[in-house]
N, C-alpha and C. Protein backbone atom coordinates (compact mmCIF):
# COMPACT_ATOMS: atom_id res chain seq x y z
N MET A 1 154.72 20.24 227.87
CA MET A 1 154.47 18.59 228.15
C MET A 1 153.52 18.03 229.25
N ILE A 2 154.37 18.65 230.16
CA ILE A 2 153.98 18.25 231.56
C ILE A 2 152.63 19.00 232.23
N ARG A 3 152.04 19.95 231.28
CA ARG A 3 150.78 20.41 231.29
C ARG A 3 149.88 19.83 230.52
N LEU A 4 150.20 19.07 229.24
CA LEU A 4 149.29 17.99 228.68
C LEU A 4 148.85 16.86 229.50
N SER A 5 149.87 16.49 230.29
CA SER A 5 149.65 15.06 230.98
C SER A 5 148.70 15.58 232.39
N TYR A 6 149.00 16.67 232.37
CA TYR A 6 147.82 17.21 233.98
C TYR A 6 146.76 17.34 233.05
N LEU A 7 146.45 18.01 231.48
CA LEU A 7 144.78 17.75 231.20
C LEU A 7 144.62 16.42 230.66
N ALA A 8 145.32 15.42 230.57
CA ALA A 8 145.36 14.16 230.41
C ALA A 8 144.25 13.37 231.34
N VAL A 9 145.21 13.64 232.59
CA VAL A 9 144.58 13.41 234.17
C VAL A 9 143.30 13.77 234.40
N PHE A 10 143.24 15.04 234.37
CA PHE A 10 142.13 15.79 234.95
C PHE A 10 140.67 15.19 233.73
N VAL A 11 141.02 15.26 232.42
CA VAL A 11 140.03 14.70 231.39
C VAL A 11 139.35 13.07 232.33
N LEU A 12 140.68 12.39 231.94
CA LEU A 12 140.29 10.97 232.66
C LEU A 12 139.32 11.17 233.45
N ALA A 13 139.99 11.56 234.58
CA ALA A 13 139.28 11.91 236.02
C ALA A 13 137.79 12.41 236.17
N ALA A 14 137.83 13.30 235.36
CA ALA A 14 136.28 14.13 234.90
C ALA A 14 135.49 13.25 234.37
N SER A 15 135.93 12.48 233.19
CA SER A 15 134.99 11.94 232.50
C SER A 15 133.61 11.03 233.13
N PRO A 16 133.81 9.63 233.93
CA PRO A 16 133.28 9.28 234.89
C PRO A 16 132.01 10.44 235.46
N THR A 17 132.66 11.33 236.08
CA THR A 17 131.85 12.56 236.58
C THR A 17 130.87 13.38 235.71
N LEU A 18 131.13 13.36 234.74
CA LEU A 18 130.74 14.47 233.71
C LEU A 18 129.76 13.37 233.31
N ALA A 19 129.96 11.90 232.66
CA ALA A 19 128.90 10.93 232.63
C ALA A 19 128.11 10.61 233.41
N ASP A 20 128.22 10.45 234.60
CA ASP A 20 126.89 10.68 235.71
C ASP A 20 126.53 11.54 235.74
N LYS A 21 126.94 12.82 235.81
CA LYS A 21 125.67 14.24 235.36
C LYS A 21 125.07 14.13 234.46
N ALA A 22 125.27 13.64 233.30
CA ALA A 22 124.51 13.39 231.76
C ALA A 22 123.64 12.58 232.59
N HIS A 23 123.91 11.59 233.11
CA HIS A 23 122.79 10.43 233.16
C HIS A 23 121.78 10.99 234.14
N ASP A 24 122.34 11.41 235.11
CA ASP A 24 121.26 12.13 236.12
C ASP A 24 120.36 13.34 235.39
N ARG A 25 120.82 13.92 234.37
CA ARG A 25 120.05 15.16 233.83
C ARG A 25 118.99 14.21 233.22
N GLY A 26 119.56 12.93 232.36
CA GLY A 26 118.24 12.11 231.72
C GLY A 26 117.61 11.89 232.48
N CYS A 27 117.65 10.94 233.75
CA CYS A 27 116.89 10.62 234.54
C CYS A 27 115.50 11.77 235.47
N ALA A 28 116.46 13.08 235.10
CA ALA A 28 115.78 13.89 236.17
C ALA A 28 114.32 14.46 234.74
N ALA A 29 115.23 14.94 233.42
CA ALA A 29 114.21 15.03 232.75
C ALA A 29 113.36 14.03 232.33
N THR A 30 113.60 12.69 232.18
CA THR A 30 112.44 11.64 232.02
C THR A 30 111.59 11.41 233.40
N SER A 31 111.95 11.82 234.11
CA SER A 31 111.49 11.96 235.60
C SER A 31 110.39 13.07 235.65
N ALA A 32 110.81 14.26 234.88
CA ALA A 32 109.76 15.45 234.59
C ALA A 32 108.32 15.01 234.12
N ILE A 33 108.73 14.42 232.67
CA ILE A 33 107.79 13.87 232.31
C ILE A 33 106.73 12.95 232.84
N VAL A 34 107.39 11.63 233.23
CA VAL A 34 106.43 11.09 234.11
C VAL A 34 105.46 11.91 235.54
N ALA A 35 106.47 12.77 235.88
CA ALA A 35 105.64 13.23 236.80
C ALA A 35 104.55 14.74 236.43
N ASP A 36 104.76 14.99 235.30
CA ASP A 36 103.72 15.75 234.17
C ASP A 36 102.52 14.71 233.85
N ALA A 37 102.67 13.48 233.30
CA ALA A 37 101.65 12.21 233.03
C ALA A 37 100.74 12.52 233.92
N VAL A 38 101.92 11.67 235.36
CA VAL A 38 100.83 11.32 236.95
C VAL A 38 99.91 12.62 236.71
N ALA A 39 100.37 13.51 237.03
CA ALA A 39 99.78 14.81 237.17
C ALA A 39 98.12 14.93 236.41
N LEU A 40 98.62 14.79 235.19
CA LEU A 40 97.32 15.43 234.39
C LEU A 40 96.63 13.97 233.99
N ARG A 41 96.85 12.84 234.29
CA ARG A 41 96.09 11.29 234.27
C ARG A 41 95.36 11.80 235.63
N ALA A 42 95.81 12.01 236.77
CA ALA A 42 95.34 12.26 238.13
C ALA A 42 94.24 13.18 237.97
N LYS A 43 94.05 14.31 237.22
CA LYS A 43 93.52 15.43 236.95
C LYS A 43 92.08 15.11 235.71
N GLY A 44 92.62 13.51 235.43
CA GLY A 44 91.25 12.93 234.62
C GLY A 44 91.37 13.02 233.34
N ALA A 45 92.36 13.71 232.41
CA ALA A 45 93.14 13.89 231.16
C ALA A 45 92.85 12.55 230.72
N ASP A 46 92.58 12.17 229.73
CA ASP A 46 92.74 11.24 228.70
C ASP A 46 94.22 11.50 228.25
N GLN A 47 94.11 10.03 227.52
CA GLN A 47 95.93 10.00 226.97
C GLN A 47 96.38 10.85 225.81
N PRO A 48 95.40 10.95 224.69
CA PRO A 48 95.63 11.83 223.97
C PRO A 48 96.44 13.20 224.26
N SER A 49 95.49 13.89 225.02
CA SER A 49 95.30 14.98 225.46
C SER A 49 96.63 14.98 226.37
N ALA A 50 96.96 14.38 227.50
CA ALA A 50 98.03 13.91 228.06
C ALA A 50 99.15 14.12 227.29
N LEU A 51 99.29 13.75 226.28
CA LEU A 51 100.43 13.08 225.29
C LEU A 51 100.81 14.78 224.62
N ALA A 52 99.88 15.20 224.33
CA ALA A 52 100.12 16.38 223.84
C ALA A 52 100.37 17.59 224.56
N ALA A 53 100.12 17.89 225.72
CA ALA A 53 100.71 18.50 226.47
C ALA A 53 101.83 18.21 227.43
N VAL A 54 102.25 16.83 227.16
CA VAL A 54 103.21 16.83 227.61
C VAL A 54 104.52 17.22 226.93
N LYS A 55 104.05 16.39 225.82
CA LYS A 55 104.70 16.92 224.15
C LYS A 55 105.21 18.30 224.04
N ALA A 56 104.45 19.34 224.35
CA ALA A 56 104.78 20.81 224.30
C ALA A 56 105.56 21.19 225.36
N LYS A 57 105.27 20.44 226.10
CA LYS A 57 106.30 21.16 227.47
C LYS A 57 107.88 20.26 227.53
N VAL A 58 108.07 19.49 227.00
CA VAL A 58 109.24 18.63 227.04
C VAL A 58 110.33 20.07 226.52
N PRO A 59 111.19 20.25 227.22
CA PRO A 59 112.28 21.56 226.92
C PRO A 59 113.37 21.02 226.23
N ASP A 60 113.95 19.82 225.94
CA ASP A 60 114.66 19.20 225.31
C ASP A 60 114.45 18.25 223.92
N ALA A 61 114.72 18.62 223.18
CA ALA A 61 113.87 17.73 222.23
C ALA A 61 114.17 16.55 221.98
N LYS A 62 115.62 15.93 222.37
CA LYS A 62 116.18 14.95 222.73
C LYS A 62 115.05 13.71 223.67
N TYR A 63 114.51 14.48 224.42
CA TYR A 63 113.74 13.51 225.14
C TYR A 63 112.07 13.90 224.57
N ALA A 64 111.91 14.07 223.29
CA ALA A 64 110.66 13.90 222.97
C ALA A 64 110.19 12.40 222.73
N ALA A 65 111.25 11.59 222.20
CA ALA A 65 110.65 10.29 221.87
C ALA A 65 110.34 9.49 223.00
N THR A 66 110.62 9.90 224.05
CA THR A 66 110.76 9.32 225.45
C THR A 66 108.91 9.33 225.93
N VAL A 67 108.59 10.59 225.38
CA VAL A 67 107.13 10.79 225.76
C VAL A 67 106.15 9.57 225.93
N PRO A 68 105.89 8.98 224.63
CA PRO A 68 104.82 8.18 224.31
C PRO A 68 104.75 6.87 225.45
N PRO A 69 106.21 6.47 225.42
CA PRO A 69 106.39 5.18 225.90
C PRO A 69 106.26 5.14 227.86
N LEU A 70 106.82 6.73 227.76
CA LEU A 70 106.43 6.75 229.25
C LEU A 70 104.82 7.39 229.81
N LEU A 71 104.09 7.87 228.77
CA LEU A 71 102.67 7.88 228.71
C LEU A 71 101.98 6.58 229.00
N ASP A 72 102.61 5.77 228.00
CA ASP A 72 101.99 4.33 228.15
C ASP A 72 102.04 3.74 229.63
N TRP A 73 103.12 3.75 229.65
CA TRP A 73 103.36 3.18 231.36
C TRP A 73 102.70 3.79 232.47
N VAL A 74 102.48 5.00 232.45
CA VAL A 74 101.68 6.07 233.39
C VAL A 74 100.23 5.65 232.91
N TYR A 75 99.76 5.37 232.13
CA TYR A 75 98.27 5.15 231.93
C TYR A 75 98.17 3.42 231.89
N THR A 76 98.94 2.90 232.34
CA THR A 76 98.85 1.43 233.09
C THR A 76 98.78 1.43 234.38
N LEU A 77 98.88 2.47 235.26
CA LEU A 77 99.27 2.11 236.57
C LEU A 77 97.46 2.61 237.23
N PRO A 78 97.18 1.97 238.25
CA PRO A 78 96.44 1.83 238.78
C PRO A 78 96.17 3.12 239.41
N LYS A 79 94.54 3.78 239.27
CA LYS A 79 94.54 5.17 239.37
C LYS A 79 95.28 5.50 241.48
N ASP A 80 95.03 4.50 242.04
CA ASP A 80 95.86 4.65 243.64
C ASP A 80 97.44 5.23 243.25
N GLN A 81 98.00 4.56 242.77
CA GLN A 81 99.29 5.00 242.54
C GLN A 81 99.92 6.24 241.52
N LEU A 82 98.70 6.88 241.41
CA LEU A 82 99.04 8.25 240.79
C LEU A 82 99.93 9.41 241.44
N THR A 83 100.79 8.98 242.24
CA THR A 83 101.39 9.81 243.47
C THR A 83 102.55 9.91 242.78
N ASP A 84 103.45 10.96 243.53
CA ASP A 84 104.88 11.32 243.84
C ASP A 84 105.69 9.92 243.71
N GLU A 85 104.85 9.00 244.49
CA GLU A 85 105.64 8.13 244.84
C GLU A 85 106.08 7.07 243.56
N ALA A 86 105.12 7.25 242.53
CA ALA A 86 105.21 6.45 241.30
C ALA A 86 106.19 7.51 240.43
N VAL A 87 106.48 8.65 240.95
CA VAL A 87 107.74 9.56 240.15
C VAL A 87 108.63 9.32 240.62
N THR A 88 108.80 8.80 242.26
CA THR A 88 110.16 8.52 243.03
C THR A 88 110.66 6.86 242.32
N ALA A 89 109.83 6.17 241.91
CA ALA A 89 110.11 4.70 241.87
C ALA A 89 110.56 4.67 240.46
N TYR A 90 110.11 5.50 239.71
CA TYR A 90 110.42 5.57 238.03
C TYR A 90 112.27 6.62 238.56
N LYS A 91 111.91 7.45 238.97
CA LYS A 91 113.60 8.10 239.13
C LYS A 91 114.66 6.84 239.65
N GLN A 92 114.04 6.12 240.51
CA GLN A 92 115.23 5.27 241.15
C GLN A 92 115.11 4.23 240.29
N ALA A 93 114.39 3.86 239.50
CA ALA A 93 114.87 3.00 238.58
C ALA A 93 115.48 3.15 237.32
N CYS A 94 115.54 4.49 237.10
CA CYS A 94 116.23 5.06 235.80
C CYS A 94 117.70 4.80 236.48
N LEU A 95 117.96 5.47 237.74
CA LEU A 95 119.18 5.57 237.97
C LEU A 95 119.96 4.18 238.28
N ALA A 96 119.14 3.56 238.59
CA ALA A 96 119.58 2.00 239.22
C ALA A 96 120.06 1.37 237.47
N GLN A 97 119.51 1.50 236.90
CA GLN A 97 119.90 0.94 235.45
C GLN A 97 121.16 1.85 234.77
N LEU A 98 121.28 3.17 235.57
CA LEU A 98 122.87 3.21 234.70
C LEU A 98 123.82 3.17 235.74
N GLY A 99 123.87 2.94 236.82
CA GLY A 99 124.95 2.69 237.75
C GLY A 99 125.35 0.89 237.84
């Protein structure tokens, strides 16, 4: 019975940490999508080509649905904002939304 109590305490204490790590992974994955889109657009790729290239590169299918809206956003950015700063700003906004 005592072991079960320790397990319950451990699980309850670890749950927020595990959730935070899952959110961090989600923001990291979508930030990678943004980074790829920014790089492709900076090289002159049109949106349909970038969409196909980024979708093919997404390692986890659960993030595939995020590709079109993220590319839509990247293709609204002025060309002078197609830098790593755009990716950093996206990741910070993603993490802030979860915090």
